[in-house]
Amino acid sequence: MAARDTRVVLALVSVVCVIAVAGALLAQHRLGMQPCPWCILQRIQFLLIAAVAALGALFGPPLGGRIIPRLAAWLIVPVAASGAAAAWYQHFVAARSSSCNLTLADRIISGLQLDTAWPDIFEVRASCADAAAQLAGMPFEFWSLGLFVLLVATGLWCALRADGR
């Protein structure tokens, strides 16, 4: 039963991450909240977690045994932790600078070339200071930070559960 529960939670993680990116795209294209490099990096991290979690949910027993859900859950943890770090950095460092051009986030995005392949989703359109926005009275990046922290905890729960603990 534990393996099935883990796969269900991984499927939910995947859906939640896709919804988070869809919400960011809605905020960008309908509400005019233009993304900075750190916003885009967090989109990439959410989509990476969604893909890893989906693989873990799809390829559990009997197709992939217990190893794939376990591996997926353990991979979610560092990606989500780095996403939390990106959200924290965006708020406390990048948003306070006049330019966030050529930061780590900017280099990752241009290195992956996602901004040229899918500009409507991954193109940087604002500086970090200009992109600062709030949702329900809280900075947008804090919502992202909270979700990443929840994903770290969920990844750990799934990994330990898949390990039989």
Protein backbone atom coordinates (compact mmCIF):
# COMPACT_ATOMS: atom_id res chain seq x y z
CA MET A 1 0.00 0.00 0.00
CA ALA A 2 2.90 2.41 0.71
CA ALA A 3 4.15 2.29 -2.89
CA ARG A 4 0.67 3.13 -4.20
CA ASP A 5 0.31 6.03 -1.75
CA THR A 6 3.72 7.35 -2.78
CA ARG A 7 2.77 7.23 -6.45
CA VAL A 8 -0.49 9.09 -5.77
CA VAL A 9 1.37 11.80 -3.87
CA LEU A 10 3.97 12.07 -6.65
CA ALA A 11 1.15 12.48 -9.19
CA LEU A 12 -0.33 15.26 -7.04
CA VAL A 13 3.07 16.93 -6.78
CA SER A 14 3.33 16.92 -10.56
CA VAL A 15 -0.13 18.45 -10.97
CA VAL A 16 0.50 21.12 -8.32
CA CYS A 17 3.76 22.14 -9.99
CA VAL A 18 2.09 22.46 -13.37
CA ILE A 19 -0.69 24.55 -11.77
CA ALA A 20 1.95 26.80 -10.17
CA VAL A 21 3.53 27.47 -13.57
CA ALA A 22 0.11 27.97 -15.14
CA GLY A 23 -0.63 30.52 -12.41
CA ALA A 24 2.61 32.34 -13.14
CA LEU A 25 1.78 32.39 -16.85
CA LEU A 26 -1.71 33.70 -16.08
CA ALA A 27 -0.19 36.44 -13.91
CA GLN A 28 2.22 37.30 -16.73
CA HIS A 29 -0.09 37.24 -19.73
CA ARG A 30 -3.37 38.38 -18.15
CA LEU A 31 -2.30 40.52 -15.19
CA GLY A 32 0.83 42.06 -16.70
CA MET A 33 3.28 40.72 -14.09
CA GLN A 34 6.42 40.43 -16.20
CA PRO A 35 9.01 37.83 -15.07
CA CYS A 36 12.61 38.41 -14.08
CA PRO A 37 15.39 35.80 -14.49
CA TRP A 38 14.77 34.39 -11.00
CA CYS A 39 11.04 34.02 -11.75
CA ILE A 40 11.84 32.11 -14.92
CA LEU A 41 14.39 29.91 -13.12
CA GLN A 42 11.69 28.95 -10.61
CA ARG A 43 9.32 28.06 -13.46
CA ILE A 44 12.00 25.73 -14.82
CA GLN A 45 12.47 24.17 -11.39
CA PHE A 46 8.72 23.64 -10.94
CA LEU A 47 8.50 22.00 -14.37
CA LEU A 48 11.52 19.80 -13.63
CA ILE A 49 9.89 18.66 -10.39
CA ALA A 50 6.63 18.05 -12.26
CA ALA A 51 8.40 15.85 -14.82
CA VAL A 52 10.38 13.89 -12.22
CA ALA A 53 7.29 13.39 -10.03
CA ALA A 54 5.22 12.28 -13.04
CA LEU A 55 7.85 9.69 -13.95
CA GLY A 56 7.89 8.43 -10.37
CA ALA A 57 4.10 8.18 -10.37
CA LEU A 58 3.89 6.45 -13.74
CA PHE A 59 6.73 3.97 -13.44
CA GLY A 60 6.21 2.42 -10.03
CA PRO A 61 5.19 -1.18 -9.45
CA PRO A 62 4.71 -3.24 -11.56
CA LEU A 63 6.40 -1.31 -14.41
CA GLY A 64 9.42 0.13 -12.66
CA GLY A 65 9.41 -1.49 -9.26
CA ARG A 66 10.08 0.68 -6.23
CA ILE A 67 13.32 2.20 -7.44
CA ILE A 68 11.82 4.79 -9.82
CA PRO A 69 9.34 6.35 -7.34
CA ARG A 70 12.07 6.34 -4.68
CA LEU A 71 14.60 7.95 -7.01
CA ALA A 72 12.02 10.49 -8.18
CA ALA A 73 11.18 11.44 -4.61
CA TRP A 74 14.85 11.82 -3.67
CA LEU A 75 15.49 13.96 -6.80
CA ILE A 76 12.62 16.29 -5.91
CA VAL A 77 14.32 17.28 -2.65
CA PRO A 78 17.44 19.07 -4.03
CA VAL A 79 15.52 20.64 -6.93
CA ALA A 80 12.86 21.99 -4.56
CA ALA A 81 15.53 23.15 -2.08
CA SER A 82 17.32 25.02 -4.87
CA GLY A 83 13.97 26.51 -5.89
CA ALA A 84 13.46 27.74 -2.33
CA ALA A 85 16.94 29.24 -2.42
CA ALA A 86 16.14 30.95 -5.74
CA ALA A 87 12.93 32.46 -4.34
CA TRP A 88 14.75 33.61 -1.21
CA TYR A 89 17.57 35.12 -3.28
CA GLN A 90 15.09 36.82 -5.59
CA HIS A 91 13.39 38.59 -2.70
CA PHE A 92 16.30 39.44 -0.43
CA VAL A 93 19.09 40.10 -2.94
CA ALA A 94 18.08 40.35 -6.60
CA ALA A 95 14.99 42.55 -6.10
CA ARG A 96 17.13 45.06 -4.23
CA SER A 97 19.61 45.49 -7.07
CA SER A 98 19.13 47.71 -10.10
CA SER A 99 19.94 44.89 -12.50
CA CYS A 100 19.76 41.12 -12.28
CA ASN A 101 21.28 40.72 -15.72
CA LEU A 102 24.00 38.07 -16.03
CA THR A 103 23.23 36.50 -12.67
CA LEU A 104 23.27 32.74 -12.19
CA ALA A 105 19.59 32.57 -13.14
CA ASP A 106 20.17 34.55 -16.33
CA ARG A 107 23.09 32.30 -17.30
CA ILE A 108 21.11 29.11 -16.71
CA ILE A 109 18.17 30.36 -18.78
CA SER A 110 20.32 31.46 -21.70
CA GLY A 111 22.41 28.29 -21.45
CA LEU A 112 19.32 26.11 -21.73
CA GLN A 113 18.04 28.33 -24.58
CA LEU A 114 14.49 27.90 -23.39
CA ASP A 115 13.96 31.65 -23.71
CA THR A 116 14.49 31.47 -27.47
CA ALA A 117 12.63 28.17 -27.94
CA TRP A 118 9.53 29.17 -25.93
CA PRO A 119 9.66 32.93 -25.30
CA ASP A 120 6.04 33.17 -24.09
CA ILE A 121 6.94 30.89 -21.18
CA PHE A 122 10.66 31.40 -20.50
CA GLU A 123 11.67 34.83 -21.81
CA VAL A 124 12.90 37.29 -19.18
CA ARG A 125 10.87 40.49 -19.51
CA ALA A 126 11.76 42.55 -16.45
CA SER A 127 14.49 43.27 -13.97
CA CYS A 128 14.15 41.78 -10.52
CA ALA A 129 13.31 45.15 -8.98
CA ASP A 130 10.67 45.85 -11.65
CA ALA A 131 9.17 42.36 -11.36
CA ALA A 132 8.45 42.69 -7.64
CA ALA A 133 4.73 42.06 -7.20
CA GLN A 134 2.36 40.93 -4.50
CA LEU A 135 -0.44 38.40 -4.41
CA ALA A 136 -2.93 38.63 -1.54
CA GLY A 137 -0.63 41.04 0.28
CA MET A 138 2.43 38.78 0.13
CA PRO A 139 5.37 39.00 -2.31
CA PHE A 140 4.83 36.65 -5.25
CA GLU A 141 8.16 34.92 -4.64
CA PHE A 142 7.12 34.04 -1.07
CA TRP A 143 4.27 31.96 -2.49
CA SER A 144 6.86 30.18 -4.60
CA LEU A 145 9.18 29.80 -1.60
CA GLY A 146 6.37 28.28 0.47
CA LEU A 147 5.50 25.79 -2.25
CA PHE A 148 9.14 24.79 -2.68
CA VAL A 149 9.47 24.19 1.08
CA LEU A 150 6.31 22.07 0.97
CA LEU A 151 7.78 20.15 -1.98
CA VAL A 152 11.00 19.45 -0.04
CA ALA A 153 8.94 18.01 2.83
CA THR A 154 6.72 16.04 0.45
CA GLY A 155 9.74 14.69 -1.45
CA LEU A 156 11.30 13.53 1.81
CA TRP A 157 8.04 11.94 2.94
CA CYS A 158 7.67 10.09 -0.36
CA ALA A 159 11.31 8.98 -0.39
CA LEU A 160 11.18 7.63 3.15
CA ARG A 161 7.83 6.00 2.52
CA ALA A 162 9.10 4.38 -0.69
CA ASP A 163 12.10 3.15 1.31
CA GLY A 164 9.66 1.39 3.62
CA ARG A 165 10.13 3.63 6.67
